[in-house]
Protein backbone atom coordinates (compact mmCIF):
# COMPACT_ATOMS: atom_id res chain seq x y z
CA UNK A 1 0.00 0.00 0.00
CA UNK A 2 1.96 3.00 -1.22
CA UNK A 3 -0.87 5.37 -2.16
CA UNK A 4 -1.64 8.18 0.24
CA UNK A 5 -5.34 7.95 1.02
CA UNK A 6 -5.68 9.57 4.44
CA UNK A 7 -3.74 12.62 5.62
CA UNK A 8 -3.74 14.68 8.79
CA UNK A 9 -1.80 17.94 9.13
CA UNK A 10 -0.06 17.11 5.87
CA UNK A 11 1.15 13.69 7.04
CA UNK A 12 0.18 10.33 5.56
CA UNK A 13 -1.82 8.39 8.16
CA UNK A 14 -3.14 5.74 5.78
CA UNK A 15 -1.36 2.83 7.50
CA UNK A 16 -2.52 4.01 10.93
CA UNK A 17 -6.13 4.16 9.74
CA UNK A 18 -5.88 0.65 8.26
CA UNK A 19 -4.44 -0.70 11.52
CA UNK A 20 -7.26 0.91 13.52
CA UNK A 21 -9.92 -0.47 11.18
CA UNK A 22 -8.43 -3.95 11.52
CA UNK A 23 -8.44 -3.60 15.32
CA UNK A 24 -12.13 -2.70 15.27
CA UNK A 25 -12.89 -5.65 12.98
CA UNK A 26 -11.00 -7.97 15.35
CA UNK A 27 -13.01 -6.71 18.35
CA UNK A 28 -16.30 -7.07 16.50
CA UNK A 29 -15.40 -10.59 15.34
CA UNK A 30 -14.60 -11.59 18.90
CA UNK A 31 -17.81 -10.11 20.30
CA UNK A 32 -19.99 -11.58 17.55
CA UNK A 33 -18.15 -14.91 17.54
CA UNK A 34 -17.63 -14.99 13.77
CA UNK A 35 -14.66 -15.44 11.41
CA UNK A 36 -13.23 -12.89 8.97
CA UNK A 37 -15.21 -14.10 5.94
CA UNK A 38 -18.49 -13.87 7.86
CA UNK A 39 -17.49 -10.43 9.14
CA UNK A 40 -16.94 -9.21 5.57
CA UNK A 41 -20.49 -10.25 4.72
CA UNK A 42 -22.02 -8.60 7.79
CA UNK A 43 -19.96 -5.38 7.95
CA UNK A 44 -21.92 -3.34 5.38
CA UNK A 45 -25.13 -4.04 7.32
CA UNK A 46 -23.87 -3.10 10.80
PDB file of N, CA and C in Angstrom:
ATOM      1  N   UNK A   1       0.861  -1.182   0.000  1.00  0.00           N
ATOM      2  CA  UNK A   1       0.000   0.000   0.000  1.00  0.00           C
ATOM      3  C   UNK A   1       0.897   1.231   0.000  1.00  0.00           C
ATOM      4  N   UNK A   2       1.082   1.837  -1.145  1.00  0.00           N
ATOM      5  CA  UNK A   2       1.956   2.999  -1.218  1.00  0.00           C
ATOM      6  C   UNK A   2       1.198   4.282  -1.548  1.00  0.00           C
ATOM      7  N   UNK A   3      -0.078   4.176  -1.855  1.00  0.00           N
ATOM      8  CA  UNK A   3      -0.866   5.367  -2.159  1.00  0.00           C
ATOM      9  C   UNK A   3      -1.274   6.074  -0.875  1.00  0.00           C
ATOM     10  N   UNK A   4      -1.186   7.386  -0.889  1.00  0.00           N
ATOM     11  CA  UNK A   4      -1.641   8.185   0.245  1.00  0.00           C
ATOM     12  C   UNK A   4      -3.148   8.371   0.098  1.00  0.00           C
ATOM     13  N   UNK A   5      -3.886   7.861   1.068  1.00  0.00           N
ATOM     14  CA  UNK A   5      -5.345   7.951   1.025  1.00  0.00           C
ATOM     15  C   UNK A   5      -5.842   8.891   2.107  1.00  0.00           C
ATOM     16  N   UNK A   6      -5.262   8.759   3.309  1.00  0.00           N
ATOM     17  CA  UNK A   6      -5.679   9.574   4.439  1.00  0.00           C
ATOM     18  C   UNK A   6      -4.512  10.430   4.914  1.00  0.00           C
ATOM     19  N   UNK A   7      -4.781  11.726   5.093  1.00  0.00           N
ATOM     20  CA  UNK A   7      -3.745  12.615   5.617  1.00  0.00           C
ATOM     21  C   UNK A   7      -4.293  13.408   6.793  1.00  0.00           C
ATOM     22  N   UNK A   8      -3.387  13.832   7.661  1.00  0.00           N
ATOM     23  CA  UNK A   8      -3.742  14.682   8.785  1.00  0.00           C
ATOM     24  C   UNK A   8      -2.574  15.627   9.009  1.00  0.00           C
ATOM     25  N   UNK A   9      -2.851  16.913   9.006  1.00  0.00           N
ATOM     26  CA  UNK A   9      -1.802  17.939   9.131  1.00  0.00           C
ATOM     27  C   UNK A   9      -0.670  17.705   8.134  1.00  0.00           C
ATOM     28  N   UNK A  10      -1.037  17.303   6.923  1.00  0.00           N
ATOM     29  CA  UNK A  10      -0.062  17.110   5.868  1.00  0.00           C
ATOM     30  C   UNK A  10       0.732  15.824   5.942  1.00  0.00           C
ATOM     31  N   UNK A  11       0.430  14.961   6.893  1.00  0.00           N
ATOM     32  CA  UNK A  11       1.154  13.693   7.035  1.00  0.00           C
ATOM     33  C   UNK A  11       0.270  12.532   6.607  1.00  0.00           C
ATOM     34  N   UNK A  12       0.892  11.538   5.995  1.00  0.00           N
ATOM     35  CA  UNK A  12       0.182  10.334   5.561  1.00  0.00           C
ATOM     36  C   UNK A  12      -0.129   9.471   6.783  1.00  0.00           C
ATOM     37  N   UNK A  13      -1.399   9.242   7.033  1.00  0.00           N
ATOM     38  CA  UNK A  13      -1.815   8.394   8.161  1.00  0.00           C
ATOM     39  C   UNK A  13      -2.570   7.155   7.671  1.00  0.00           C
ATOM     40  N   UNK A  14      -2.414   6.854   6.383  1.00  0.00           N
ATOM     41  CA  UNK A  14      -3.145   5.741   5.781  1.00  0.00           C
ATOM     42  C   UNK A  14      -2.914   4.425   6.525  1.00  0.00           C
ATOM     43  N   UNK A  15      -1.658   4.092   6.821  1.00  0.00           N
ATOM     44  CA  UNK A  15      -1.362   2.828   7.495  1.00  0.00           C
ATOM     45  C   UNK A  15      -1.983   2.822   8.892  1.00  0.00           C
ATOM     46  N   UNK A  16      -1.917   3.937   9.599  1.00  0.00           N
ATOM     47  CA  UNK A  16      -2.518   4.009  10.934  1.00  0.00           C
ATOM     48  C   UNK A  16      -4.024   3.778  10.879  1.00  0.00           C
ATOM     49  N   UNK A  17      -4.685   4.348   9.892  1.00  0.00           N
ATOM     50  CA  UNK A  17      -6.132   4.162   9.737  1.00  0.00           C
ATOM     51  C   UNK A  17      -6.439   2.694   9.455  1.00  0.00           C
ATOM     52  N   UNK A  18      -5.658   2.067   8.578  1.00  0.00           N
ATOM     53  CA  UNK A  18      -5.876   0.652   8.259  1.00  0.00           C
ATOM     54  C   UNK A  18      -5.691  -0.227   9.493  1.00  0.00           C
ATOM     55  N   UNK A  19      -4.687   0.072  10.291  1.00  0.00           N
ATOM     56  CA  UNK A  19      -4.442  -0.696  11.517  1.00  0.00           C
ATOM     57  C   UNK A  19      -5.606  -0.538  12.485  1.00  0.00           C
ATOM     58  N   UNK A  20      -6.135   0.671  12.617  1.00  0.00           N
ATOM     59  CA  UNK A  20      -7.259   0.911  13.520  1.00  0.00           C
ATOM     60  C   UNK A  20      -8.523   0.211  13.028  1.00  0.00           C
ATOM     61  N   UNK A  21      -8.753   0.232  11.731  1.00  0.00           N
ATOM     62  CA  UNK A  21      -9.917  -0.465  11.175  1.00  0.00           C
ATOM     63  C   UNK A  21      -9.807  -1.954  11.460  1.00  0.00           C
ATOM     64  N   UNK A  22      -8.623  -2.512  11.261  1.00  0.00           N
ATOM     65  CA  UNK A  22      -8.431  -3.946  11.516  1.00  0.00           C
ATOM     66  C   UNK A  22      -8.668  -4.269  12.993  1.00  0.00           C
ATOM     67  N   UNK A  23      -8.228  -3.383  13.889  1.00  0.00           N
ATOM     68  CA  UNK A  23      -8.439  -3.604  15.317  1.00  0.00           C
ATOM     69  C   UNK A  23      -9.926  -3.625  15.655  1.00  0.00           C
ATOM     70  N   UNK A  24     -10.681  -2.734  15.047  1.00  0.00           N
ATOM     71  CA  UNK A  24     -12.132  -2.696  15.274  1.00  0.00           C
ATOM     72  C   UNK A  24     -12.778  -3.973  14.738  1.00  0.00           C
ATOM     73  N   UNK A  25     -12.358  -4.414  13.554  1.00  0.00           N
ATOM     74  CA  UNK A  25     -12.888  -5.650  12.979  1.00  0.00           C
ATOM     75  C   UNK A  25     -12.589  -6.827  13.908  1.00  0.00           C
ATOM     76  N   UNK A  26     -11.365  -6.889  14.436  1.00  0.00           N
ATOM     77  CA  UNK A  26     -10.998  -7.973  15.355  1.00  0.00           C
ATOM     78  C   UNK A  26     -11.895  -7.981  16.597  1.00  0.00           C
ATOM     79  N   UNK A  27     -12.155  -6.819  17.157  1.00  0.00           N
ATOM     80  CA  UNK A  27     -13.010  -6.715  18.352  1.00  0.00           C
ATOM     81  C   UNK A  27     -14.431  -7.166  18.020  1.00  0.00           C
ATOM     82  N   UNK A  28     -14.949  -6.700  16.879  1.00  0.00           N
ATOM     83  CA  UNK A  28     -16.305  -7.070  16.497  1.00  0.00           C
ATOM     84  C   UNK A  28     -16.412  -8.571  16.230  1.00  0.00           C
ATOM     85  N   UNK A  29     -15.398  -9.151  15.588  1.00  0.00           N
ATOM     86  CA  UNK A  29     -15.397 -10.589  15.338  1.00  0.00           C
ATOM     87  C   UNK A  29     -15.447 -11.358  16.657  1.00  0.00           C
ATOM     88  N   UNK A  30     -14.643 -10.911  17.603  1.00  0.00           N
ATOM     89  CA  UNK A  30     -14.601 -11.586  18.897  1.00  0.00           C
ATOM     90  C   UNK A  30     -15.947 -11.493  19.609  1.00  0.00           C
ATOM     91  N   UNK A  31     -16.543 -10.301  19.608  1.00  0.00           N
ATOM     92  CA  UNK A  31     -17.812 -10.108  20.304  1.00  0.00           C
ATOM     93  C   UNK A  31     -18.963 -10.837  19.615  1.00  0.00           C
ATOM     94  N   UNK A  32     -18.917 -10.913  18.297  1.00  0.00           N
ATOM     95  CA  UNK A  32     -19.985 -11.581  17.553  1.00  0.00           C
ATOM     96  C   UNK A  32     -19.725 -13.071  17.386  1.00  0.00           C
ATOM     97  N   UNK A  33     -18.496 -13.503  17.667  1.00  0.00           N
ATOM     98  CA  UNK A  33     -18.150 -14.914  17.543  1.00  0.00           C
ATOM     99  C   UNK A  33     -18.161 -15.416  16.112  1.00  0.00           C
ATOM    100  N   UNK A  34     -17.643 -14.605  15.182  1.00  0.00           N
ATOM    101  CA  UNK A  34     -17.626 -14.988  13.773  1.00  0.00           C
ATOM    102  C   UNK A  34     -16.211 -14.877  13.210  1.00  0.00           C
ATOM    103  N   UNK A  35     -15.977 -15.531  12.043  1.00  0.00           N
ATOM    104  CA  UNK A  35     -14.665 -15.443  11.405  1.00  0.00           C
ATOM    105  C   UNK A  35     -14.620 -14.261  10.431  1.00  0.00           C
ATOM    106  N   UNK A  36     -13.439 -14.060   9.824  1.00  0.00           N
ATOM    107  CA  UNK A  36     -13.231 -12.892   8.970  1.00  0.00           C
ATOM    108  C   UNK A  36     -14.170 -12.888   7.768  1.00  0.00           C
ATOM    109  N   UNK A  37     -14.344 -14.029   7.127  1.00  0.00           N
ATOM    110  CA  UNK A  37     -15.215 -14.099   5.943  1.00  0.00           C
ATOM    111  C   UNK A  37     -16.654 -13.710   6.299  1.00  0.00           C
ATOM    112  N   UNK A  38     -17.127 -14.198   7.424  1.00  0.00           N
ATOM    113  CA  UNK A  38     -18.485 -13.870   7.864  1.00  0.00           C
ATOM    114  C   UNK A  38     -18.585 -12.385   8.225  1.00  0.00           C
ATOM    115  N   UNK A  39     -17.512 -11.849   8.790  1.00  0.00           N
ATOM    116  CA  UNK A  39     -17.488 -10.434   9.143  1.00  0.00           C
ATOM    117  C   UNK A  39     -17.571  -9.571   7.888  1.00  0.00           C
ATOM    118  N   UNK A  40     -16.885  -9.977   6.820  1.00  0.00           N
ATOM    119  CA  UNK A  40     -16.939  -9.209   5.567  1.00  0.00           C
ATOM    120  C   UNK A  40     -18.365  -9.139   5.038  1.00  0.00           C
ATOM    121  N   UNK A  41     -19.101 -10.222   5.190  1.00  0.00           N
ATOM    122  CA  UNK A  41     -20.487 -10.248   4.718  1.00  0.00           C
ATOM    123  C   UNK A  41     -21.383  -9.358   5.563  1.00  0.00           C
ATOM    124  N   UNK A  42     -21.155  -9.329   6.880  1.00  0.00           N
ATOM    125  CA  UNK A  42     -22.018  -8.596   7.792  1.00  0.00           C
ATOM    126  C   UNK A  42     -21.684  -7.113   7.902  1.00  0.00           C
ATOM    127  N   UNK A  43     -20.430  -6.742   7.704  1.00  0.00           N
ATOM    128  CA  UNK A  43     -19.960  -5.382   7.951  1.00  0.00           C
ATOM    129  C   UNK A  43     -20.779  -4.290   7.274  1.00  0.00           C
ATOM    130  N   UNK A  44     -21.146  -4.420   6.004  1.00  0.00           N
ATOM    131  CA  UNK A  44     -21.918  -3.344   5.375  1.00  0.00           C
ATOM    132  C   UNK A  44     -23.297  -3.131   6.016  1.00  0.00           C
ATOM    133  N   UNK A  45     -23.788  -4.124   6.736  1.00  0.00           N
ATOM    134  CA  UNK A  45     -25.132  -4.038   7.317  1.00  0.00           C
ATOM    135  C   UNK A  45     -25.123  -3.633   8.777  1.00  0.00           C
ATOM    136  N   UNK A  46     -23.929  -3.440   9.369  1.00  0.00           N
ATOM    137  CA  UNK A  46     -23.867  -3.095  10.802  1.00  0.00           C
ATOM    138  C   UNK A  46     -24.010  -1.606  11.010  1.00  0.00           C
TER     139      UNK A  46
END
